[in-house]
N, C-alpha and C. Protein backbone atom coordinates (compact mmCIF):
# COMPACT_ATOMS: atom_id res chain seq x y z
N MET A 1 221.43 -126.68 0.87
CA MET A 1 220.24 -126.01 0.91
C MET A 1 220.24 -124.85 1.92
N ILE A 2 220.73 -125.13 3.13
CA ILE A 2 220.95 -124.27 4.18
C ILE A 2 221.97 -123.10 3.91
N ARG A 3 222.94 -123.44 3.24
CA ARG A 3 223.92 -122.76 2.96
C ARG A 3 223.38 -121.61 1.79
N ALA A 4 222.59 -122.16 0.66
CA ALA A 4 221.97 -121.03 -0.13
C ALA A 4 221.08 -120.12 0.64
N VAL A 5 220.23 -120.57 1.42
CA VAL A 5 219.27 -119.62 2.11
C VAL A 5 220.09 -118.79 2.88
N GLN A 6 221.34 -119.24 3.63
CA GLN A 6 222.08 -118.14 4.26
C GLN A 6 222.38 -116.98 3.16
N THR A 7 223.01 -117.39 2.40
CA THR A 7 223.78 -116.52 1.17
C THR A 7 222.56 -115.76 0.66
N ILE A 8 221.57 -116.22 0.38
CA ILE A 8 220.43 -115.24 -0.08
C ILE A 8 220.13 -113.98 1.12
N ALA A 9 219.74 -114.76 2.21
CA ALA A 9 219.49 -113.91 3.22
C ALA A 9 220.78 -112.99 3.39
N ALA A 10 221.96 -113.34 3.45
CA ALA A 10 222.89 -112.23 3.82
C ALA A 10 222.87 -111.16 2.67
N SER A 11 222.65 -111.65 1.47
CA SER A 11 222.83 -110.63 0.21
C SER A 11 221.53 -109.66 0.34
N LEU A 12 220.28 -110.21 0.84
CA LEU A 12 218.86 -109.32 0.76
C LEU A 12 219.11 -108.35 2.03
N GLY A 13 220.02 -108.81 3.17
CA GLY A 13 220.33 -107.95 4.37
C GLY A 13 221.08 -106.77 3.92
N ALA A 14 222.04 -107.25 3.06
CA ALA A 14 223.13 -106.24 2.72
C ALA A 14 222.45 -104.98 1.82
N ALA A 15 221.70 -105.55 0.98
CA ALA A 15 220.97 -104.67 0.04
C ALA A 15 220.07 -103.74 0.77
N LEU A 16 219.32 -104.24 1.73
CA LEU A 16 218.65 -103.30 2.67
C LEU A 16 219.41 -102.38 3.25
N LEU A 17 220.40 -102.87 3.74
CA LEU A 17 221.28 -101.64 4.39
C LEU A 17 222.14 -100.81 3.54
N VAL A 18 222.38 -101.16 2.51
CA VAL A 18 222.83 -100.26 1.59
C VAL A 18 221.62 -99.27 0.98
N ALA A 19 220.54 -99.93 0.70
CA ALA A 19 219.18 -98.75 0.53
C ALA A 19 219.15 -97.88 1.59
N GLY A 20 219.00 -98.25 2.77
CA GLY A 20 218.65 -97.34 3.98
C GLY A 20 219.76 -96.43 4.01
N CYS A 21 220.99 -96.53 3.93
CA CYS A 21 222.19 -95.63 3.88
C CYS A 21 222.07 -94.67 2.88
N ALA A 22 221.79 -95.20 1.56
CA ALA A 22 221.76 -94.43 0.56
C ALA A 22 220.54 -93.21 0.42
N HIS A 23 219.00 -93.69 1.31
CA HIS A 23 218.16 -92.74 1.00
C HIS A 23 218.40 -91.90 2.19
N ASP A 24 217.97 -90.43 1.63
CA ASP A 24 218.58 -89.23 2.55
C ASP A 24 217.01 -88.69 2.90
N GLY A 25 216.03 -88.81 2.25
CA GLY A 25 214.94 -88.06 2.63
C GLY A 25 214.21 -86.99 2.07
N TYR A 26 215.30 -86.34 1.10
CA TYR A 26 215.08 -85.04 0.66
C TYR A 26 213.92 -84.75 -0.28
N TYR A 27 213.53 -85.87 -0.64
CA TYR A 27 212.54 -85.94 -1.76
C TYR A 27 211.19 -86.22 -1.11
N ASP A 28 211.18 -87.03 0.11
CA ASP A 28 209.92 -87.14 0.61
C ASP A 28 209.75 -86.67 2.02
N ARG A 29 210.55 -85.71 2.36
CA ARG A 29 210.74 -84.96 3.97
C ARG A 29 210.24 -83.68 3.71
N GLY A 30 211.25 -82.70 3.50
CA GLY A 30 210.96 -81.41 3.28
C GLY A 30 210.71 -80.67 2.13
N TYR A 31 211.30 -81.40 0.87
CA TYR A 31 211.52 -80.53 -0.44
C TYR A 31 210.39 -81.36 -1.24
N ARG A 32 209.38 -80.89 -1.55
CA ARG A 32 208.30 -81.66 -2.53
C ARG A 32 207.95 -80.68 -3.69
N SER A 33 207.16 -80.91 -4.29
CA SER A 33 206.59 -80.43 -5.66
C SER A 33 206.01 -78.92 -5.04
N ALA A 34 205.89 -77.95 -5.69
CA ALA A 34 205.18 -76.65 -5.49
C ALA A 34 203.77 -76.87 -6.02
N SER A 35 202.98 -75.75 -5.44
CA SER A 35 201.53 -75.73 -5.81
C SER A 35 201.56 -75.23 -7.04
N ALA A 36 200.36 -75.38 -7.74
CA ALA A 36 200.12 -74.84 -9.12
C ALA A 36 200.46 -73.45 -9.35
N ASP A 37 200.18 -72.54 -8.28
CA ASP A 37 200.18 -71.22 -8.40
C ASP A 37 201.22 -70.41 -7.93
N SER A 38 201.85 -71.05 -6.93
CA SER A 38 203.42 -70.26 -6.37
C SER A 38 204.39 -71.39 -6.03
N GLY A 39 205.44 -70.94 -5.78
CA GLY A 39 206.65 -71.74 -4.86
C GLY A 39 206.20 -72.14 -3.69
N TYR A 40 207.04 -72.87 -3.04
CA TYR A 40 206.86 -73.59 -1.89
C TYR A 40 207.72 -73.41 -1.03
N TYR A 41 208.62 -72.04 -1.12
CA TYR A 41 210.07 -72.11 -0.35
C TYR A 41 209.30 -71.93 1.19
N GLY A 42 208.42 -71.25 1.38
CA GLY A 42 208.26 -71.11 2.83
C GLY A 42 208.40 -71.69 3.76
N ARG A 43 208.03 -73.17 3.54
CA ARG A 43 208.24 -73.97 4.70
C ARG A 43 209.73 -74.68 4.82
N ASP A 44 210.22 -74.38 3.67
CA ASP A 44 211.67 -75.02 3.57
C ASP A 44 212.74 -73.78 3.80
N TYR A 45 212.26 -72.56 3.87
CA TYR A 45 213.18 -71.25 4.38
C TYR A 45 213.05 -70.92 5.91
N ARG A 46 214.12 -70.95 6.56
CA ARG A 46 214.07 -70.37 7.69
C ARG A 46 214.73 -68.75 7.98
N SER A 47 213.83 -67.98 8.04
CA SER A 47 214.06 -66.41 7.87
C SER A 47 215.07 -66.06 8.99
N GLY A 48 215.65 -65.16 8.04
CA GLY A 48 216.65 -64.41 8.91
C GLY A 48 216.63 -63.06 8.90
N ASN A 49 217.32 -62.46 8.15
CA ASN A 49 217.04 -61.08 7.76
C ASN A 49 216.02 -60.80 6.58
N GLY A 50 215.39 -62.09 6.26
CA GLY A 50 214.22 -61.87 5.26
C GLY A 50 214.60 -61.82 3.84
N TYR A 51 214.23 -63.14 2.97
CA TYR A 51 214.35 -62.81 1.71
C TYR A 51 213.21 -61.77 0.99
N ARG A 52 212.11 -61.55 1.60
CA ARG A 52 211.35 -60.81 1.23
C ARG A 52 211.83 -59.28 1.27
N GLY A 53 212.83 -59.10 2.32
CA GLY A 53 212.94 -57.61 2.42
C GLY A 53 214.42 -57.38 1.88
N ASP A 54 215.11 -56.96 2.43
CA ASP A 54 216.48 -56.17 2.05
C ASP A 54 217.37 -57.83 2.63
N HIS A 55 217.28 -58.47 1.48
CA HIS A 55 217.93 -59.86 1.83
C HIS A 55 219.65 -59.80 1.57
N GLY A 56 220.06 -58.84 0.71
CA GLY A 56 221.55 -58.91 0.60
C GLY A 56 222.02 -59.96 -0.12
N TYR A 57 221.29 -60.85 -0.67
CA TYR A 57 221.95 -62.02 -1.43
C TYR A 57 222.59 -61.61 -2.90
N ALA A 58 221.62 -60.82 -3.77
CA ALA A 58 222.00 -60.15 -4.96
C ALA A 58 220.93 -59.35 -5.41
N GLU A 59 221.38 -58.60 -6.22
CA GLU A 59 220.20 -57.43 -6.72
C GLU A 59 218.98 -58.42 -7.12
N ARG A 60 217.63 -57.95 -7.08
CA ARG A 60 216.63 -58.65 -7.53
C ARG A 60 216.27 -58.07 -8.73
N TYR A 61 215.81 -58.94 -9.74
CA TYR A 61 215.48 -58.53 -11.22
C TYR A 61 213.87 -59.32 -11.36
N ALA A 62 213.24 -58.72 -12.44
CA ALA A 62 212.15 -59.46 -12.77
C ALA A 62 212.35 -60.92 -13.28
N SER A 63 211.66 -61.69 -13.09
CA SER A 63 211.82 -63.41 -13.55
C SER A 63 211.97 -63.02 -15.14
N VAL A 64 213.15 -64.11 -15.73
CA VAL A 64 212.99 -64.25 -17.29
C VAL A 64 212.37 -65.20 -17.50
N PHE A 65 211.69 -66.00 -16.68
CA PHE A 65 211.28 -67.39 -17.20
C PHE A 65 209.69 -67.02 -17.52
N ARG A 66 209.16 -67.97 -18.18
CA ARG A 66 207.89 -68.10 -18.92
C ARG A 66 207.39 -69.45 -18.83
N GLY A 67 206.09 -69.55 -18.81
CA GLY A 67 205.52 -70.97 -19.02
C GLY A 67 204.99 -71.57 -17.56
N SER A 68 204.59 -72.88 -17.70
CA SER A 68 204.18 -73.35 -16.46
C SER A 68 205.03 -73.44 -15.31
N GLY A 69 206.27 -73.62 -15.49
CA GLY A 69 206.89 -73.58 -14.13
C GLY A 69 207.70 -72.22 -13.47
N ALA A 70 207.24 -71.20 -14.22
CA ALA A 70 207.80 -69.94 -14.13
C ALA A 70 207.43 -69.38 -12.61
N ARG A 71 206.31 -69.48 -12.38
CA ARG A 71 205.75 -69.09 -10.98
C ARG A 71 206.22 -70.03 -9.84
N ARG A 72 206.47 -71.06 -10.33
CA ARG A 72 207.02 -72.55 -9.41
C ARG A 72 208.27 -72.31 -8.71
N LEU A 73 209.31 -71.38 -9.42
CA LEU A 73 210.64 -71.46 -9.14
C LEU A 73 210.72 -70.61 -7.84
N ASP A 74 211.64 -70.93 -7.10
CA ASP A 74 211.85 -70.06 -5.85
C ASP A 74 212.26 -69.00 -6.41
N PRO A 75 212.02 -67.71 -5.49
CA PRO A 75 212.46 -66.41 -5.49
C PRO A 75 213.82 -66.13 -5.80
N TRP A 76 214.70 -67.01 -5.05
CA TRP A 76 216.31 -66.57 -5.35
C TRP A 76 216.72 -67.54 -6.56
N LEU A 77 215.99 -68.44 -7.30
CA LEU A 77 216.05 -68.57 -8.60
C LEU A 77 215.62 -68.07 -9.42
N SER A 78 214.65 -67.31 -9.36
CA SER A 78 214.14 -66.74 -10.42
C SER A 78 214.12 -65.33 -10.67
N GLU A 79 214.54 -64.68 -9.35
CA GLU A 79 214.79 -63.08 -9.42
C GLU A 79 216.08 -62.79 -9.05
N THR A 80 217.20 -63.56 -9.22
CA THR A 80 218.56 -63.03 -8.91
C THR A 80 219.25 -63.52 -10.31
N ARG A 81 219.93 -62.82 -10.79
CA ARG A 81 220.95 -63.30 -12.13
C ARG A 81 221.65 -64.57 -11.65
N GLU A 82 222.11 -64.79 -10.62
CA GLU A 82 223.15 -65.83 -10.10
C GLU A 82 221.79 -67.26 -10.43
N GLY A 83 220.82 -66.90 -9.67
CA GLY A 83 219.86 -68.08 -9.64
C GLY A 83 219.30 -68.53 -10.99
N GLN A 84 219.22 -67.12 -11.93
CA GLN A 84 218.81 -67.38 -13.22
C GLN A 84 219.56 -68.24 -14.16
N GLN A 85 221.08 -67.99 -14.09
CA GLN A 85 222.09 -68.65 -14.48
C GLN A 85 222.25 -70.22 -14.20
N PHE A 86 221.83 -70.39 -12.67
CA PHE A 86 221.65 -71.67 -12.44
C PHE A 86 220.83 -72.64 -13.17
N VAL A 87 219.56 -71.93 -13.18
CA VAL A 87 218.49 -72.62 -13.93
C VAL A 87 218.75 -72.94 -15.33
N THR A 88 219.31 -71.96 -16.08
CA THR A 88 219.84 -72.19 -17.52
C THR A 88 220.76 -73.15 -17.67
N ASP A 89 221.69 -73.14 -16.91
CA ASP A 89 222.91 -74.25 -16.71
C ASP A 89 222.42 -75.70 -16.66
N HIS A 90 221.58 -75.68 -15.94
CA HIS A 90 221.39 -77.16 -15.47
C HIS A 90 220.01 -77.63 -16.13
N TYR A 91 218.97 -76.80 -16.62
CA TYR A 91 217.65 -77.44 -17.07
C TYR A 91 217.19 -76.82 -18.60
N PRO A 92 216.50 -77.76 -19.19
CA PRO A 92 216.09 -77.06 -20.43
C PRO A 92 215.11 -75.85 -20.15
N VAL A 93 215.38 -74.76 -20.99
CA VAL A 93 214.59 -73.65 -21.00
C VAL A 93 214.69 -73.18 -22.39
N GLY A 94 213.27 -72.81 -22.77
CA GLY A 94 213.21 -72.36 -23.99
C GLY A 94 213.58 -71.29 -24.62
N PRO A 95 213.62 -70.75 -25.71
CA PRO A 95 214.42 -69.66 -26.33
C PRO A 95 213.47 -68.34 -25.96
N ARG A 96 212.65 -68.53 -25.19
CA ARG A 96 211.88 -66.97 -24.71
C ARG A 96 211.77 -67.26 -23.15
N GLY A 97 212.76 -68.22 -22.49
CA GLY A 97 212.53 -68.56 -21.22
C GLY A 97 211.49 -69.30 -20.48
N GLU A 98 211.04 -70.20 -21.48
CA GLU A 98 209.83 -71.14 -21.25
C GLU A 98 210.26 -72.25 -20.12
N ILE A 99 209.97 -72.60 -19.40
CA ILE A 99 210.35 -73.62 -18.38
C ILE A 99 209.17 -74.32 -17.89
N ARG A 100 209.15 -75.62 -17.95
CA ARG A 100 208.11 -76.73 -17.61
C ARG A 100 208.03 -76.78 -16.04
N SER A 101 206.86 -77.00 -15.32
CA SER A 101 206.68 -77.20 -14.39
C SER A 101 207.65 -78.27 -13.51
N GLY A 102 207.84 -79.33 -14.12
CA GLY A 102 208.52 -80.37 -13.60
C GLY A 102 210.15 -79.88 -13.37
N ASP A 103 210.63 -79.12 -14.52
CA ASP A 103 211.86 -78.76 -14.40
C ASP A 103 212.09 -77.43 -13.27
N ALA A 104 210.85 -76.96 -12.98
CA ALA A 104 210.92 -76.04 -12.04
C ALA A 104 211.25 -76.67 -10.74
N ASP A 105 210.35 -77.57 -10.51
CA ASP A 105 210.23 -78.19 -9.00
C ASP A 105 211.77 -78.84 -9.07
N SER A 106 212.15 -79.68 -10.06
CA SER A 106 213.61 -80.25 -9.92
C SER A 106 214.45 -79.11 -9.47
N ALA A 107 214.63 -78.14 -10.27
CA ALA A 107 215.38 -77.00 -10.16
C ALA A 107 215.62 -76.51 -8.48
N ASN A 108 214.39 -76.26 -8.01
CA ASN A 108 214.00 -75.87 -6.68
C ASN A 108 214.62 -77.13 -5.86
N ILE A 109 214.41 -78.38 -6.05
CA ILE A 109 214.65 -79.38 -5.02
C ILE A 109 216.29 -79.45 -5.27
N PHE A 110 216.94 -79.45 -6.41
CA PHE A 110 218.31 -79.67 -6.37
C PHE A 110 219.03 -78.46 -5.84
N PHE A 111 218.67 -77.30 -6.04
CA PHE A 111 219.27 -76.04 -5.36
C PHE A 111 219.16 -76.27 -3.86
N ARG A 112 217.99 -76.28 -3.44
CA ARG A 112 217.79 -76.77 -1.83
C ARG A 112 218.50 -77.51 -1.15
N ARG A 113 219.05 -78.60 -2.10
CA ARG A 113 219.62 -79.71 -1.43
C ARG A 113 220.91 -79.33 -1.43
N TRP A 114 221.52 -78.89 -2.57
CA TRP A 114 222.83 -78.30 -2.70
C TRP A 114 223.32 -77.17 -1.83
N ALA A 115 222.10 -76.48 -1.58
CA ALA A 115 222.51 -75.12 -0.61
C ALA A 115 222.17 -75.50 0.61
N ASP A 116 221.90 -76.53 1.25
CA ASP A 116 221.37 -76.91 2.68
C ASP A 116 222.58 -77.61 3.27
N THR A 117 223.57 -76.85 3.30
CA THR A 117 224.92 -77.48 3.91
C THR A 117 224.82 -78.20 5.24
N ASP A 118 224.04 -77.56 6.27
CA ASP A 118 223.95 -78.55 7.70
C ASP A 118 222.94 -79.67 7.38
N ARG A 119 221.82 -79.84 6.25
CA ARG A 119 221.31 -80.68 6.04
C ARG A 119 220.21 -80.93 6.94
N ASP A 120 219.77 -79.76 7.31
CA ASP A 120 218.27 -79.80 8.28
C ASP A 120 217.24 -79.57 7.48
N TYR A 121 217.36 -79.48 6.28
CA TYR A 121 215.80 -79.37 5.37
C TYR A 121 215.40 -78.07 5.74
N ARG A 122 216.12 -77.01 6.03
CA ARG A 122 215.76 -75.69 5.98
C ARG A 122 216.73 -74.74 5.61
N LEU A 123 216.74 -73.86 4.59
CA LEU A 123 217.65 -72.98 4.08
C LEU A 123 217.63 -71.84 4.94
N THR A 124 218.90 -71.31 5.11
CA THR A 124 218.86 -70.12 5.73
C THR A 124 219.62 -69.13 4.86
N ASP A 125 219.54 -67.75 5.25
CA ASP A 125 219.88 -66.72 4.29
C ASP A 125 221.52 -66.78 4.02
N ALA A 126 222.17 -67.34 4.88
CA ALA A 126 223.72 -67.65 4.65
C ALA A 126 223.89 -68.77 3.62
N GLU A 127 223.20 -69.90 3.56
CA GLU A 127 223.18 -71.00 2.66
C GLU A 127 222.71 -70.72 1.43
N ILE A 128 221.82 -70.06 1.29
CA ILE A 128 221.59 -69.45 -0.06
C ILE A 128 222.26 -68.25 -0.46
N ARG A 129 222.86 -67.52 0.13
CA ARG A 129 223.82 -66.83 -0.52
C ARG A 129 225.06 -67.32 -1.08
N THR A 130 225.61 -68.24 -0.17
CA THR A 130 226.84 -68.95 -0.48
C THR A 130 226.70 -69.86 -1.64
N ALA A 131 225.50 -70.48 -1.83
CA ALA A 131 225.42 -71.26 -2.98
C ALA A 131 225.11 -70.24 -4.36
N LEU A 132 224.60 -69.06 -4.02
CA LEU A 132 224.32 -68.02 -5.41
C LEU A 132 225.86 -67.81 -5.35
N VAL A 133 226.59 -67.37 -4.64
CA VAL A 133 228.29 -66.92 -5.11
C VAL A 133 228.69 -68.04 -5.68
N HIS A 134 228.60 -69.36 -5.19
CA HIS A 134 229.21 -70.39 -5.84
C HIS A 134 228.46 -70.70 -7.32
N THR A 135 227.37 -69.89 -7.55
CA THR A 135 226.91 -70.03 -9.10
C THR A 135 227.38 -69.03 -9.90
N ARG A 136 227.64 -67.90 -9.18
CA ARG A 136 228.09 -66.74 -9.62
C ARG A 136 229.68 -66.82 -10.32
N ASN A 137 230.35 -67.75 -9.39
CA ASN A 137 231.73 -68.22 -9.49
C ASN A 137 232.05 -69.28 -10.49
N ARG A 138 230.68 -69.78 -10.91
CA ARG A 138 230.89 -70.93 -11.79
C ARG A 138 231.20 -72.10 -11.32
N TYR A 139 230.77 -72.20 -9.85
CA TYR A 139 230.52 -73.24 -9.20
C TYR A 139 231.99 -73.77 -8.70
N GLY A 140 233.11 -73.00 -8.38
CA GLY A 140 234.08 -72.97 -7.91
C GLY A 140 235.19 -73.38 -8.82
N ARG A 141 234.87 -73.83 -10.22
CA ARG A 141 235.72 -74.16 -10.95
C ARG A 141 236.73 -73.01 -11.28
N ILE A 142 237.76 -73.10 -11.83
CA ILE A 142 238.79 -72.27 -12.33
C ILE A 142 238.47 -72.33 -14.09
N ALA A 143 238.25 -71.43 -14.71
CA ALA A 143 238.05 -71.42 -15.98
C ALA A 143 239.32 -71.17 -16.81
N PHE A 144 239.89 -72.13 -17.72
CA PHE A 144 241.22 -71.78 -18.35
C PHE A 144 240.94 -71.58 -19.81
């Protein structure tokens, strides 16, 4: 009986330890869903030379996305060819660029998590640019 209780307690302790190590907080700390009207990148973006100005990431274009998620996408995903490619490569987009709000939120969170190399929950200009370059270069894979 005591042996069984010890085994259960050890198993439960190990499971809690693994769950705690696997949880990184990205979904409940800095990166959450956008408001209904616009993206929410402001609090997750650490300004440097400024995305709104001469950012130097890539040329800016009009967003090709429509639907409930179009205004929720971060500008570096919706207004650059590299970002647009990232979204269309990984998320369901309709024939006329329709994207759902849940998919837009997921794209924002995934891209931020992927680009945030120092894991401080704040994107810098350099982190965004590096992630966009990897996207343009097909994520670093060599095509044969």
